[in-house]
Every structure is written in structure tokens, then in C-alpha cells.
Protein backbone atom coordinates (compact mmCIF):
# COMPACT_ATOMS: atom_id res chain seq x y z
CA MET A 1 0.00 0.00 0.00
CA LYS A 2 1.31 3.44 -0.96
CA LEU A 3 0.58 7.01 0.04
CA LYS A 4 -1.11 9.04 -2.69
CA ILE A 5 -0.73 12.83 -2.84
CA THR A 6 -2.87 14.80 -5.29
CA PRO A 7 -2.72 18.60 -5.72
CA LEU A 8 -6.08 20.07 -6.74
CA GLY A 9 -4.87 23.68 -6.68
CA GLY A 10 -1.94 25.93 -5.84
CA LEU A 11 0.74 24.35 -8.04
CA GLY A 12 1.54 26.45 -11.08
CA GLU A 13 -0.48 29.38 -9.74
CA ILE A 14 -0.77 31.73 -6.76
CA GLY A 15 -3.92 30.84 -4.82
CA LEU A 16 -6.43 27.96 -4.95
CA ASN A 17 -4.31 25.96 -2.50
CA MET A 18 -5.70 22.46 -1.96
CA MET A 19 -3.84 19.17 -1.44
CA VAL A 20 -5.28 15.68 -1.00
CA PHE A 21 -3.60 12.85 0.91
CA GLU A 22 -4.87 9.27 0.60
CA TYR A 23 -3.89 5.98 2.18
CA ASP A 24 -6.09 2.91 1.72
CA GLU A 25 -9.68 4.11 2.39
CA SER A 26 -8.68 7.30 4.24
CA LEU A 27 -8.50 10.73 2.60
CA ILE A 28 -7.71 14.12 4.12
CA VAL A 29 -7.78 17.53 2.45
CA VAL A 30 -5.27 20.24 3.34
CA ASP A 31 -6.56 23.79 2.73
CA ALA A 32 -9.41 25.03 0.56
CA GLY A 33 -8.29 28.27 -1.03
CA LEU A 34 -9.64 30.67 -3.60
CA MET A 35 -7.99 32.88 -6.20
CA PHE A 36 -9.06 36.38 -7.13
CA PRO A 37 -10.13 36.76 -10.78
CA GLU A 38 -7.67 37.59 -13.53
CA ASP A 39 -8.32 40.59 -15.80
CA SER A 40 -9.91 38.35 -18.44
CA MET A 41 -12.50 37.00 -15.96
CA LEU A 42 -14.96 39.86 -16.41
CA GLY A 43 -17.60 40.08 -13.67
CA VAL A 44 -16.28 37.05 -11.77
CA ASP A 45 -16.08 37.48 -7.98
CA PHE A 46 -13.53 34.76 -7.24
CA VAL A 47 -12.26 31.38 -8.40
CA ILE A 48 -12.21 28.05 -6.53
CA PRO A 49 -10.69 24.64 -7.32
CA ASN A 50 -12.65 22.00 -9.19
CA ILE A 51 -13.59 19.40 -6.55
CA THR A 52 -14.87 16.65 -8.85
CA TYR A 53 -12.17 14.34 -7.44
CA LEU A 54 -13.40 14.94 -3.88
CA LYS A 55 -17.00 14.27 -4.89
CA GLU A 56 -15.94 10.99 -6.49
CA ASN A 57 -14.18 9.97 -3.26
CA ARG A 58 -16.47 11.58 -0.71
CA SER A 59 -16.89 8.30 1.24
CA LYS A 60 -13.17 8.32 2.08
CA ILE A 61 -12.95 11.92 3.31
CA GLN A 62 -12.00 12.20 6.98
CA GLY A 63 -11.83 15.98 7.15
CA ILE A 64 -10.41 19.26 5.88
CA ILE A 65 -7.35 20.66 7.66
CA LEU A 66 -6.52 24.36 7.38
CA THR A 67 -2.98 25.68 7.78
CA HIS A 68 -3.84 29.37 8.28
CA ALA A 69 -6.46 32.07 7.75
CA HIS A 70 -5.55 33.62 4.39
CA GLU A 71 -8.16 33.59 1.64
CA ASP A 72 -5.94 31.55 -0.70
CA HIS A 73 -6.16 28.76 1.90
CA ILE A 74 -9.68 29.08 3.37
CA GLY A 75 -11.68 31.18 0.87
CA ALA A 76 -13.24 28.28 -1.06
CA LEU A 77 -14.44 26.51 2.09
CA PRO A 78 -18.06 27.78 2.07
CA CYS A 79 -18.58 26.66 -1.54
CA ILE A 80 -16.98 23.26 -0.89
CA LEU A 81 -18.94 22.57 2.30
CA ARG A 82 -22.15 23.09 0.36
CA GLU A 83 -21.15 20.08 -1.73
CA ILE A 84 -19.33 17.91 0.81
CA GLN A 85 -20.22 17.58 4.48
CA THR A 86 -17.03 16.90 6.45
CA PRO A 87 -15.37 18.12 9.68
CA VAL A 88 -13.00 21.09 9.49
CA PHE A 89 -9.88 21.43 11.66
CA GLY A 90 -7.92 24.61 12.31
CA THR A 91 -6.24 26.82 14.88
CA PRO A 92 -8.30 29.34 16.91
CA PHE A 93 -7.76 32.44 14.76
CA THR A 94 -8.18 30.45 11.54
CA LEU A 95 -11.51 29.03 12.68
CA GLY A 96 -12.56 32.45 13.96
CA MET A 97 -12.25 33.78 10.42
CA VAL A 98 -13.90 30.65 9.02
CA ARG A 99 -16.90 30.98 11.35
CA TYR A 100 -17.50 34.49 10.12
CA LYS A 101 -17.36 33.35 6.47
CA LEU A 102 -19.64 30.37 7.02
CA GLU A 103 -22.15 32.51 8.89
CA GLU A 104 -22.25 34.94 5.94
CA PHE A 105 -23.01 31.98 3.64
CA GLY A 106 -25.65 30.62 6.02
CA ILE A 107 -24.01 27.23 6.56
CA LEU A 108 -22.27 27.62 9.93
CA GLN A 109 -24.95 25.62 11.75
CA HIS A 110 -24.43 22.72 9.33
CA THR A 111 -20.63 22.55 9.74
CA THR A 112 -18.56 20.82 12.41
CA LEU A 113 -15.46 22.83 13.37
CA HIS A 114 -12.68 21.42 15.57
CA THR A 115 -10.10 23.71 17.17
CA VAL A 116 -6.47 22.54 17.29
CA ARG A 117 -3.31 24.28 18.47
CA ALA A 118 0.34 24.12 17.55
CA GLY A 119 1.78 21.03 19.22
CA ASP A 120 -1.50 19.10 19.12
CA SER A 121 -1.87 15.75 17.36
CA LEU A 122 -4.94 14.41 15.61
CA THR A 123 -5.86 10.98 14.23
CA LEU A 124 -8.04 10.80 11.12
CA GLY A 125 -8.44 7.32 9.66
CA GLN A 126 -5.00 6.04 8.65
CA PHE A 127 -3.38 9.43 9.31
CA GLU A 128 -1.90 10.97 12.41
CA ILE A 129 -1.32 14.71 12.00
CA GLU A 130 0.83 16.90 14.23
CA PHE A 131 0.48 20.68 14.01
CA ILE A 132 3.80 22.56 13.99
CA ARG A 133 3.91 26.30 14.67
CA VAL A 134 5.25 28.41 11.80
CA ASN A 135 5.76 32.14 11.41
CA HIS A 136 3.77 33.77 8.64
CA SER A 137 2.09 37.12 7.99
CA VAL A 138 -1.01 35.94 9.86
CA VAL A 139 -1.16 34.61 13.40
CA ASP A 140 -1.81 30.95 14.22
CA GLY A 141 -0.18 29.48 11.13
CA VAL A 142 0.85 25.82 11.25
CA ALA A 143 2.73 23.30 9.19
CA LEU A 144 1.65 19.66 9.23
CA ALA A 145 3.56 16.48 9.98
CA ILE A 146 1.32 13.87 8.37
CA GLN A 147 2.14 10.31 9.39
CA SER A 148 0.74 7.31 7.54
CA PRO A 149 1.88 3.66 7.36
CA ALA A 150 3.97 4.73 4.34
CA GLY A 151 5.95 7.31 6.31
CA ILE A 152 5.97 10.95 7.44
CA VAL A 153 5.19 13.83 5.07
CA ILE A 154 5.90 17.43 6.06
CA HIS A 155 3.56 20.02 4.53
CA THR A 156 5.00 23.43 5.42
CA GLY A 157 1.97 25.55 4.61
CA ASP A 158 3.04 29.18 4.16
CA PHE A 159 6.04 29.92 6.34
CA LYS A 160 9.18 31.91 6.99
CA ILE A 161 11.89 31.49 9.61
CA SER A 162 12.26 34.67 11.62
CA TYR A 163 14.10 35.05 14.91
CA THR A 164 12.58 38.46 15.73
CA SER A 165 8.94 37.43 15.77
CA ALA A 166 6.56 38.00 18.64
CA PRO A 167 6.54 35.38 21.41
CA GLY A 168 4.57 32.33 20.34
CA MET A 169 4.95 33.24 16.66
CA MET A 170 8.38 31.82 15.84
CA THR A 171 8.70 28.82 13.54
CA ASP A 172 9.35 25.71 15.63
CA ILE A 173 12.61 24.65 13.99
CA ASN A 174 13.25 22.11 16.73
CA ARG A 175 10.14 20.16 15.77
CA PHE A 176 11.09 20.11 12.09
CA ALA A 177 14.55 18.86 13.07
CA HIS A 178 12.94 16.20 15.26
CA PHE A 179 11.00 14.76 12.34
CA GLY A 180 14.08 15.04 10.14
CA HIS A 181 15.93 12.88 12.64
CA GLN A 182 13.06 10.36 12.64
CA GLY A 183 13.04 10.21 8.86
CA VAL A 184 10.81 12.23 6.51
CA LEU A 185 9.38 10.46 3.49
CA ALA A 186 8.54 13.69 1.62
CA LEU A 187 8.78 17.44 2.12
CA LEU A 188 6.17 19.65 0.46
CA SER A 189 7.53 23.18 0.80
CA ASP A 190 6.25 26.72 0.09
CA SER A 191 7.86 28.08 -3.12
CA THR A 192 6.39 31.60 -3.24
CA ASN A 193 9.60 33.55 -2.54
CA VAL A 194 12.18 31.17 -3.99
CA GLU A 195 13.37 33.95 -6.33
CA LYS A 196 14.50 36.04 -3.33
CA GLU A 197 18.07 35.57 -2.13
CA GLY A 198 19.06 35.67 1.52
CA TYR A 199 16.60 35.96 4.39
CA THR A 200 13.31 37.78 4.90
CA LEU A 201 13.49 41.19 6.54
CA SER A 202 13.18 41.39 10.30
CA ASP A 203 9.72 42.13 11.73
CA SER A 204 11.35 44.38 14.31
CA ASP A 205 13.07 46.41 11.56
CA ILE A 206 9.71 47.01 9.88
CA GLY A 207 8.25 48.12 13.20
CA GLU A 208 11.10 50.58 13.72
CA ASN A 209 10.66 52.00 10.21
CA LEU A 210 6.94 52.53 10.84
CA ASN A 211 7.79 54.17 14.15
CA VAL A 212 10.17 56.64 12.49
CA ILE A 213 7.60 57.56 9.83
CA ALA A 214 4.85 58.06 12.43
CA ARG A 215 7.09 60.28 14.59
CA LYS A 216 7.85 62.55 11.62
CA ALA A 217 4.22 62.79 10.48
CA LYS A 218 2.71 66.25 10.96
CA GLY A 219 -0.91 65.19 10.57
CA ARG A 220 -2.93 62.01 10.49
CA VAL A 221 -1.19 58.68 9.90
CA ILE A 222 -3.27 56.36 7.68
CA ILE A 223 -1.94 52.82 7.30
CA ALA A 224 -3.45 50.36 4.79
CA LEU A 225 -2.65 46.66 5.16
CA PHE A 226 -4.09 43.18 4.91
CA ALA A 227 -6.90 42.69 7.42
CA SER A 228 -5.32 39.49 8.72
CA SER A 229 -1.94 41.12 9.53
CA ILE A 230 -2.54 41.03 13.28
CA THR A 231 1.14 41.20 14.25
CA ARG A 232 1.60 44.36 12.14
CA ILE A 233 -1.56 45.83 13.62
CA GLN A 234 -0.17 45.19 17.11
CA GLN A 235 3.05 46.99 16.16
CA ILE A 236 1.05 49.99 14.93
CA VAL A 237 -1.11 50.07 18.08
CA ASN A 238 2.05 50.04 20.21
CA ILE A 239 3.54 52.91 18.18
CA ALA A 240 0.32 54.92 18.51
CA ALA A 241 0.26 54.38 22.27
CA THR A 242 3.89 55.55 22.57
CA LEU A 243 3.16 58.69 20.54
CA GLY A 244 -0.07 59.48 22.36
CA ARG A 245 -2.22 58.94 19.27
CA LYS A 246 -5.68 57.38 19.13
CA VAL A 247 -6.33 54.38 16.87
CA VAL A 248 -9.25 54.01 14.49
CA PHE A 249 -10.08 50.86 12.49
CA SER A 250 -11.84 51.40 9.16
CA GLY A 251 -13.10 48.71 6.78
CA LYS A 252 -15.39 45.76 7.38
CA SER A 253 -12.77 43.02 6.96
CA ILE A 254 -10.26 44.67 9.28
CA GLU A 255 -12.93 45.31 11.91
CA VAL A 256 -13.87 41.62 11.82
CA SER A 257 -10.29 40.32 12.09
CA VAL A 258 -9.46 42.79 14.88
CA HIS A 259 -12.55 41.71 16.82
CA ILE A 260 -11.61 38.03 16.45
CA ALA A 261 -7.95 38.64 17.38
CA LYS A 262 -8.91 40.65 20.47
CA SER A 263 -11.38 38.02 21.64
CA LEU A 264 -8.71 35.30 21.34
CA GLY A 265 -5.99 37.33 23.02
CA TYR A 266 -3.82 37.76 19.92
CA LEU A 267 -4.26 41.54 19.88
CA HIS A 268 -3.93 43.79 22.92
CA ILE A 269 -5.16 47.38 22.73
CA PRO A 270 -4.58 49.55 25.83
CA ASP A 271 -7.63 51.15 27.40
CA GLY A 272 -8.53 54.53 25.93
CA ILE A 273 -6.50 54.07 22.72
CA GLU A 274 -9.20 52.88 20.34
CA ILE A 275 -11.89 55.29 19.16
CA LEU A 276 -14.71 55.06 16.65
CA ILE A 277 -14.34 56.60 13.21
CA SER A 278 -17.27 58.89 13.99
CA GLN A 279 -15.17 60.40 16.81
CA LEU A 280 -12.30 61.50 14.54
CA SER A 281 -13.38 65.12 14.45
CA GLU A 282 -12.99 65.33 18.24
CA PHE A 283 -9.19 64.92 18.07
CA PRO A 284 -6.39 66.93 16.43
CA ASP A 285 -4.99 65.39 13.23
CA ASP A 286 -1.59 64.76 14.84
CA HIS A 287 -3.26 62.67 17.54
CA VAL A 288 -4.74 60.04 15.21
CA VAL A 289 -3.62 56.79 13.54
CA LEU A 290 -6.09 55.20 11.13
CA ILE A 291 -5.67 51.49 10.26
CA THR A 292 -7.62 50.59 7.15
CA THR A 293 -8.13 48.24 4.21
CA GLY A 294 -7.40 48.83 0.54
CA SER A 295 -3.68 48.16 0.20
CA GLN A 296 -4.33 46.22 -3.02
CA GLY A 297 -6.38 48.90 -4.73
CA GLU A 298 -9.73 47.22 -4.11
CA PRO A 299 -12.27 49.56 -5.76
CA MET A 300 -14.72 49.86 -2.84
CA SER A 301 -12.21 49.61 0.02
CA ALA A 302 -11.92 52.36 2.62
CA LEU A 303 -8.63 53.63 1.15
CA ALA A 304 -10.06 53.74 -2.38
CA ARG A 305 -13.00 55.79 -1.13
CA MET A 306 -10.61 58.16 0.63
CA ALA A 307 -8.52 58.54 -2.54
CA GLY A 308 -11.68 59.14 -4.57
CA GLY A 309 -12.99 61.75 -2.13
CA ILE A 310 -16.17 59.79 -1.33
CA HIS A 311 -15.40 58.47 2.16
CA LYS A 312 -18.11 59.48 4.66
CA TYR A 313 -15.74 60.54 7.44
CA ILE A 314 -12.28 61.09 5.94
CA LYS A 315 -11.19 63.67 3.38
CA ILE A 316 -7.53 63.40 2.42
CA GLN A 317 -5.67 66.65 3.03
CA ASN A 318 -2.20 68.18 3.24
CA ASP A 319 -0.02 66.73 6.02
CA ASP A 320 -1.76 63.33 5.90
CA THR A 321 0.79 60.50 5.79
CA VAL A 322 -0.57 57.40 4.01
CA ILE A 323 1.40 54.14 4.31
CA LEU A 324 0.68 51.07 2.19
CA SER A 325 2.19 48.38 4.42
CA SER A 326 1.84 45.40 2.10
CA LYS A 327 3.32 43.79 -0.97
CA PHE A 328 1.84 44.67 -4.36
CA ILE A 329 0.19 41.42 -5.47
CA PRO A 330 0.81 40.78 -9.20
CA GLY A 331 -2.17 41.97 -11.22
CA ASN A 332 -3.08 44.73 -8.77
CA GLU A 333 -0.33 47.17 -9.73
CA GLN A 334 -2.48 49.47 -11.89
CA ALA A 335 -5.26 49.74 -9.33
CA ILE A 336 -2.75 50.48 -6.56
CA ALA A 337 -0.91 53.05 -8.69
CA ARG A 338 -4.22 54.81 -9.41
CA ILE A 339 -4.96 55.13 -5.69
CA ILE A 340 -1.41 56.33 -4.91
CA ASN A 341 -1.64 59.00 -7.63
CA ASN A 342 -5.02 60.19 -6.36
CA LEU A 343 -3.71 60.39 -2.81
CA PHE A 344 -0.76 62.48 -3.97
CA ARG A 345 -3.14 64.76 -5.90
CA LYS A 346 -5.04 65.44 -2.69
CA GLY A 347 -1.84 66.48 -0.91
CA ALA A 348 -0.98 63.36 1.08
CA ASN A 349 2.54 62.04 1.60
CA VAL A 350 2.31 58.43 0.37
CA ILE A 351 4.82 55.79 1.42
CA TYR A 352 4.84 52.33 -0.17
CA GLU A 353 7.15 49.35 -0.59
CA LYS A 354 9.09 50.72 -3.57
CA ILE A 355 10.36 53.70 -1.58
CA SER A 356 10.60 52.36 1.97
CA ASP A 357 10.86 49.07 3.89
CA ILE A 358 7.42 49.14 5.48
CA HIS A 359 6.42 45.56 4.69
CA VAL A 360 7.98 42.16 5.27
CA SER A 361 6.94 39.05 3.39
CA GLY A 362 5.43 36.09 5.18
CA HIS A 363 7.11 33.65 2.79
CA ALA A 364 10.61 32.20 3.20
CA PHE A 365 13.52 33.45 1.08
CA GLN A 366 16.16 31.10 -0.35
CA GLU A 367 18.29 30.66 2.78
CA GLU A 368 15.23 29.81 4.86
CA LEU A 369 14.06 27.33 2.23
CA LYS A 370 17.49 25.71 2.35
CA LEU A 371 17.28 25.50 6.13
CA MET A 372 13.90 23.78 5.91
CA ILE A 373 15.36 21.16 3.58
CA GLN A 374 18.36 20.69 5.92
CA MET A 375 16.10 20.20 8.93
CA ALA A 376 13.63 17.83 7.27
CA ARG A 377 16.21 15.78 5.31
CA PRO A 378 13.43 14.27 3.15
CA ARG A 379 13.72 11.26 0.89
CA TYR A 380 11.49 12.98 -1.69
CA PHE A 381 11.00 16.68 -2.35
CA ILE A 382 7.92 18.32 -3.91
CA PRO A 383 7.78 22.12 -4.33
CA ILE A 384 4.29 23.56 -3.75
CA HIS A 385 2.53 26.95 -3.58
CA GLY A 386 3.72 28.99 -6.54
CA GLU A 387 3.67 29.63 -10.24
CA TYR A 388 5.49 27.12 -12.42
CA ARG A 389 8.74 29.08 -12.46
CA HIS A 390 8.72 29.11 -8.65
CA LEU A 391 8.33 25.33 -8.57
CA VAL A 392 11.20 24.87 -11.04
CA LEU A 393 13.54 27.16 -9.11
CA HIS A 394 12.66 25.48 -5.81
CA ALA A 395 13.34 22.07 -7.35
CA ARG A 396 16.77 23.32 -8.47
CA LEU A 397 17.42 24.65 -4.97
CA ALA A 398 16.63 21.21 -3.53
CA GLY A 399 19.11 19.69 -5.98
CA GLN A 400 21.78 22.11 -4.76
CA MET A 401 21.04 20.89 -1.22
CA GLY A 402 21.97 17.35 -2.22
CA ILE A 403 18.61 15.75 -2.95
CA PRO A 404 19.06 13.44 -5.99
CA SER A 405 17.22 14.59 -9.09
CA ASP A 406 15.22 11.35 -9.32
CA ARG A 407 13.75 12.12 -5.88
CA ILE A 408 12.63 15.64 -6.76
CA PHE A 409 9.14 15.74 -8.28
CA LEU A 410 7.84 18.72 -10.21
CA ILE A 411 4.10 18.09 -10.35
CA GLU A 412 1.16 20.31 -11.25
CA ASN A 413 -2.51 20.41 -10.36
CA GLY A 414 -4.24 17.12 -11.02
CA GLN A 415 -1.02 15.06 -11.11
CA PRO A 416 -1.11 12.46 -8.31
CA ILE A 417 2.08 10.92 -6.98
CA GLU A 418 2.16 7.59 -5.15
CA MET A 419 5.06 6.81 -2.84
CA ASP A 420 6.54 4.61 -0.18
CA ASP A 421 10.09 4.32 1.12
CA GLN A 422 11.11 2.36 -1.99
CA GLN A 423 9.88 4.52 -4.85
CA ALA A 424 7.64 7.39 -5.89
CA VAL A 425 5.74 7.36 -9.19
CA ILE A 426 3.61 10.07 -10.86
CA GLN A 427 0.19 8.72 -11.85
CA ASP A 428 -2.36 9.65 -14.53
CA ARG A 429 -4.03 13.02 -14.12
CA VAL A 430 -7.33 13.42 -12.32
CA ILE A 431 -10.00 16.01 -13.08
CA THR A 432 -9.01 19.43 -11.82
CA GLY A 433 -9.26 23.04 -12.91
CA ARG A 434 -10.90 26.31 -11.99
CA VAL A 435 -14.52 26.98 -11.13
CA LEU A 436 -15.72 30.58 -11.47
CA VAL A 437 -18.00 32.05 -8.81
CA ASP A 438 -20.18 34.96 -9.92
CA GLY A 439 -22.64 36.20 -7.32
CA LYS A 440 -24.55 33.18 -6.05
CA GLY A 441 -23.72 31.13 -9.13
CA ILE A 442 -20.97 28.54 -8.77
CA GLY A 443 -19.57 27.16 -12.00
CA ASP A 444 -22.30 28.56 -14.23
CA VAL A 445 -19.92 31.01 -15.89
CA GLY A 446 -17.64 29.26 -18.38
CA LYS A 447 -15.37 30.16 -21.28
CA SER A 448 -18.25 30.95 -23.62
CA ILE A 449 -19.81 33.40 -21.13
CA LEU A 450 -16.45 35.08 -20.52
CA LYS A 451 -15.95 35.37 -24.27
CA GLU A 452 -19.35 37.03 -24.65
CA ARG A 453 -18.55 39.44 -21.80
CA ARG A 454 -15.21 40.28 -23.37
CA LEU A 455 -16.84 40.95 -26.73
CA LEU A 456 -19.50 43.12 -25.10
CA SER A 457 -16.86 45.08 -23.17
CA GLU A 458 -14.65 45.60 -26.21
CA ASP A 459 -17.11 46.01 -29.11
CA GLY A 460 -20.49 46.73 -27.55
CA PHE A 461 -23.73 45.38 -29.00
CA VAL A 462 -26.42 46.23 -31.51
CA GLY A 463 -29.99 45.21 -30.78
CA VAL A 464 -32.58 44.64 -33.51
CA THR A 465 -36.33 44.56 -32.86
CA ILE A 466 -38.86 43.40 -35.49
CA ALA A 467 -42.47 42.35 -35.04
CA PHE A 468 -44.33 40.31 -37.70
CA ASP A 469 -48.03 39.74 -38.19
CA GLU A 470 -48.61 36.14 -37.13
CA GLU A 471 -51.07 35.42 -39.99
CA THR A 472 -49.58 37.30 -42.94
CA GLY A 473 -45.85 37.42 -42.02
CA ILE A 474 -45.76 41.15 -42.85
CA ILE A 475 -43.62 43.46 -40.73
CA MET A 476 -45.84 45.26 -38.21
CA TYR A 477 -43.06 47.07 -36.32
CA GLY A 478 -39.46 47.89 -37.06
CA PRO A 479 -36.85 47.09 -37.81
CA GLU A 480 -35.58 49.27 -34.96
CA LEU A 481 -31.90 49.27 -34.05
CA PHE A 482 -30.26 50.44 -30.85
CA SER A 483 -26.67 50.12 -29.68
CA ARG A 484 -24.63 50.31 -26.50
CA GLY A 485 -20.85 50.68 -26.43
CA PHE A 486 -20.70 50.62 -30.25
CA ILE A 487 -21.12 54.11 -31.76
CA PHE A 488 -22.68 57.47 -30.95
CA GLU A 489 -25.87 57.19 -32.96
CA ASN A 490 -26.14 60.95 -33.53
CA GLN A 491 -22.63 61.00 -35.04
CA ILE A 492 -22.94 58.10 -37.47
CA GLY A 493 -26.69 57.78 -37.75
CA HIS A 494 -26.51 56.75 -41.39
CA LEU A 495 -24.73 53.56 -40.36
CA LEU A 496 -27.76 52.26 -38.50
CA ASP A 497 -30.09 53.46 -41.27
CA GLU A 498 -28.12 51.44 -43.81
CA ALA A 499 -28.14 48.49 -41.41
CA LYS A 500 -31.97 48.60 -41.54
CA CYS A 501 -31.75 48.13 -45.30
CA VAL A 502 -29.56 45.08 -44.78
CA ILE A 503 -32.20 43.63 -42.44
CA LEU A 504 -35.06 44.32 -44.88
CA GLU A 505 -33.14 42.52 -47.65
CA VAL A 506 -32.87 39.46 -45.40
CA VAL A 507 -36.61 39.54 -44.69
CA GLU A 508 -37.50 39.92 -48.40
CA ASP A 509 -35.37 36.88 -49.26
CA LEU A 510 -37.46 34.74 -46.89
CA PRO A 511 -41.16 34.89 -47.85
CA PRO A 512 -43.83 33.95 -45.24
CA GLU A 513 -44.32 30.41 -46.55
CA VAL A 514 -40.70 29.35 -45.79
CA PRO A 515 -40.66 26.74 -42.96
CA GLY A 516 -39.01 27.95 -39.75
CA ARG A 517 -38.92 31.46 -41.16
CA LEU A 518 -38.43 33.41 -37.90
CA GLU A 519 -35.47 31.31 -36.77
CA LYS A 520 -33.88 31.66 -40.20
CA ILE A 521 -34.45 35.42 -40.23
CA GLN A 522 -32.82 35.71 -36.80
CA THR A 523 -29.74 33.73 -37.90
CA ARG A 524 -29.35 35.55 -41.22
CA ILE A 525 -29.75 38.99 -39.63
CA THR A 526 -26.94 38.19 -37.21
CA THR A 527 -24.63 37.03 -40.03
CA ALA A 528 -25.53 39.88 -42.40
CA LEU A 529 -25.05 42.63 -39.81
CA LYS A 530 -21.71 41.22 -38.69
CA LYS A 531 -20.48 41.32 -42.29
CA TYR A 532 -21.89 44.81 -42.83
CA PHE A 533 -20.33 46.39 -39.71
CA ASP A 534 -17.03 44.67 -40.45
CA PHE A 535 -17.04 46.15 -43.98
CA ALA A 536 -18.37 49.60 -43.08
CA ILE A 537 -16.52 50.41 -39.86
CA ASP A 538 -14.20 47.45 -39.12
CA ARG A 539 -15.92 46.71 -35.82
CA HIS A 540 -17.49 43.55 -34.50
CA PRO A 541 -20.35 44.23 -32.08
CA VAL A 542 -22.48 41.48 -30.58
CA ILE A 543 -25.74 41.28 -32.58
CA LEU A 544 -28.91 40.68 -30.53
CA PRO A 545 -32.00 40.20 -32.74
CA PHE A 546 -35.43 40.20 -31.03
CA ILE A 547 -38.01 38.72 -33.43
CA LEU A 548 -41.68 38.71 -32.38
CA GLU A 549 -45.02 37.57 -33.82
CA ILE A 550 -48.15 39.54 -32.94
């Protein structure tokens, strides 16, 4: 009997993290992440992994284990739990965020959540899982030591190795070394920052840089960051307390995460420091620190509304210092740049990662990745969590650390690998892919819908309305044409007039006695107008004919 590992998301891409482990009739799922839509996914809210494989093996599933509270690891959970009823295991802060999400989706009462802590062990079917504390950009992150009869697999989750982290936040290198001494069958390691040489920046250095900026600020200090960055929020609260400034939290997601972190004891705010946003006008500008959302340029975030001048309580002004304390996620650069430019236009002093060290990554750099390999000393190595180039570079790094090339496996989503202490073999692909979520619809938007949306956004549409007499087949109304996103009708009105002639020619060619006349008219109008607009104006609008009988 061999251990089977199947990635359903997160390999060859950033986000959608989901890994399946199987031994005999036992199956566990690690993480259930989403991905935010790419530019081509018009109107899509988010993307989740295809879980056909889980549905086909639902009788084996023992539970879903979550490594930490970021959306790319927990965001797909509500959609998946609608399809598959199974227990969910996670650390206190992770499950705090999950509870909030499940309550929003109306399925919390139907889900069984089990709280675990770093150092705990859990038995699920043929698996025994130990939770190992790791340092990341969110509190309560864990790696997993997954033991099966085939051997021990280390799944790092997202991690870095920092020696300046807050107490209880440091990666437990002793535990990784312990399992390395016991013998690790396979190491599945985070590849996100493999391109970065050296070590991640110190958390304490970032805190000191923020402190210096806040001390120099003449007016309000506005700091935008990820809502889950509780350690950074604690640093900012401490700085505000030292400088005698009040703290305001703005943005729904950050208010939720702060509430959860305070209730669990992960965030400590001195009495009298926190005020409501409605109380801002009661304090001088140089006595306020505002912690908000919108560091990625989200269009309706608090920071975006400030930059656009439409925030209910905050109008950006001279002497405001705005800090974007986060990494620019690829794909968000234009939206972030737009907000930064607007903030500058309104007189703010804007500080971001390209001009100051005010953010530290939660993902290990090369030297930390090497240390993880040294500690685990795995028989097999599988790079995970990253685009394909990240996986390739991490595989090369493992080779430099002495792991033989035939024991390094570069797999992608849907490629299972079966292993024991004798050999590891890649198996035939299983069904995987991306499922688009648009509003309440899950998977009902596919390539054809996206193509239609793209065409509508780029070329607009032309609508045609004609009504025929049901008995005689004579035109009773129309043809009337209207367009959106195509042309200004008052500028090129003759174009639509000539298009009416094209439509009338189609109708004349199909007398009333022709079988299936209306369907044929509809098809021919679409074809004829496409050809006409292509010839006349070299554009290709979507044609929408509405043919009626009255």
C-alpha cells in the first residue's frame, strides 16, 4: 500500500491551494483556497478549485485541515462545504475567520469545526497529524507532519523562519529537526519567494521604520494593510500608544479580524487608545492613527473611497501621511498606482514598498528554504505553492542541497504521486481546474460566457427589434436598431439606417411560406449585420436580434 498525494490547486499558480492525501480508504484535504479573478474574468467574484475528485471519493474523506487564515487557503471553504459535508480542523484564529465566512453563507450551523493548536496531534483514519507552529504574515499558522503507514510527510503551509517574531509566533525549527531525525518520506515546501536571495526582513526592523515615519508625520497617519496582519496591527497600536495617538479601524474586513484577534488574546489594545471613526473630528490630526483596508487597490475599500474623495468621514488633506504596508500582489499594480496618484493629488505624503521598507513578506527566502530542507532531510522533495517558475527554481534549490534529481518531483494540479520508502511514481491526471464564482452562481460562468462578456466590453452590442403579423408574415413594427458601447448614434446615424436596409433585404429573401422562417431570419440577420459592420466600420459588435409575432 502506498501514500497518494494529489494537488487540486496551488501548483503552477498563486492561490487555490488544496492538497489531497490518501492511504487505503482514508482521505484528508489540506486547505481550501480561492484565487481572485484575472483581468480576463470579467464580472467574476472569485475562483475556486474544481472538486470533482473529492465528490468521487467523498466516502473516504476524513476531514479538511486548514494551515492558516488567508483567503488563498480558506476562501473556497463555504462553496466546498455546500457540496461535501465533512469536519473542518484549524487553529483558533483560523476558525474564527472561518466561522465568520460560514455565517455569511448561512451554513455555519451545518458545519462541524474542531479547534487545534500548535503542538496538538490528531488521528483521522490512517493518518496521524501533528500541528507545527510556523511564522507567517497571519497569526496561528501551522505546518503539518502527516504520518501514515507509508511514512511521514511534512507540509510546510506558508512559512518563513524569523528570529525576531513576537513570542509564540516563531517557527518551531526544533520540531522540524525532530522529524528530520526520525526520517521524513517527503517534504512539500512553500515556493512563493524562492526567487528572493538571503533571508526575509526582520519584523522588528519594519516596526522601527513605521515608528520613524509616524514620529515625523505632521498630521494624520493612515496605514493600509491586509486585514489578517494582526502582528503588524499590534506593532502599529504600540507605536500609537507611545506617541499618544488614538487608533481608528476602518473597513469591514479589518474590523472583523481585529474583533476576532482581540477576543482570542492575539491583539492587545490599551484602554482609551481605540476610538470610533465617527469620533475623529474630536481629536487633532496629529493625535490620530487610522488602520484601514485597501492596500491592493480594491475599488470599494476604505482607502479607495478616501482617494476618490467619497469616504463618509475622511477627506484626504495636506499633512496626511498614508502608508501602504503590504506587498503589491501581481495583477493589482495598476489599481494600486491609481490610488497612490489620487492620494498624492489630494496632498498626502504616500509611502509604499518601492520607496521604503514598510512591509515584510510572510514567505521564506532562499536561505530559509534551504534550512527547511536541511532540517527535514526528506527522501522525496515536492515544491508547492507557486507559479510554475517558482516550482522549477525550488526544485533546483533542492538539488543544490543534495537531494538526488530522481527524488525531486515537479508536479502540477491534477497530477497524483504515489510513494513509499522504496519509490515514488507520478500517476495519470485526475479532473481538476478552476470553477468561477459569480454572485450566487458557482460554475455557471464558463469560457463561452467570458468570451461574450469580453466581446460586449470591447465592441459593444447592436440590438434589432422586429415584429411580424402572425397570420400574414408582414412586418408590423421595425426594424428598430439600438446600440450600446458601439457608436454614438447621432454621429454616425446613417450607419444604423443602412443596417436597416440590410435587415429588410434578409426579410425579403425569406417569404412567409418558408418553414421555420423566424429562426432563419434571426440567424441571417446576425450574419448579415456582422459582415456589414465589419465592412463599413471594421468593428465587430455582438448582434442581438429580437423577433416577435403579434
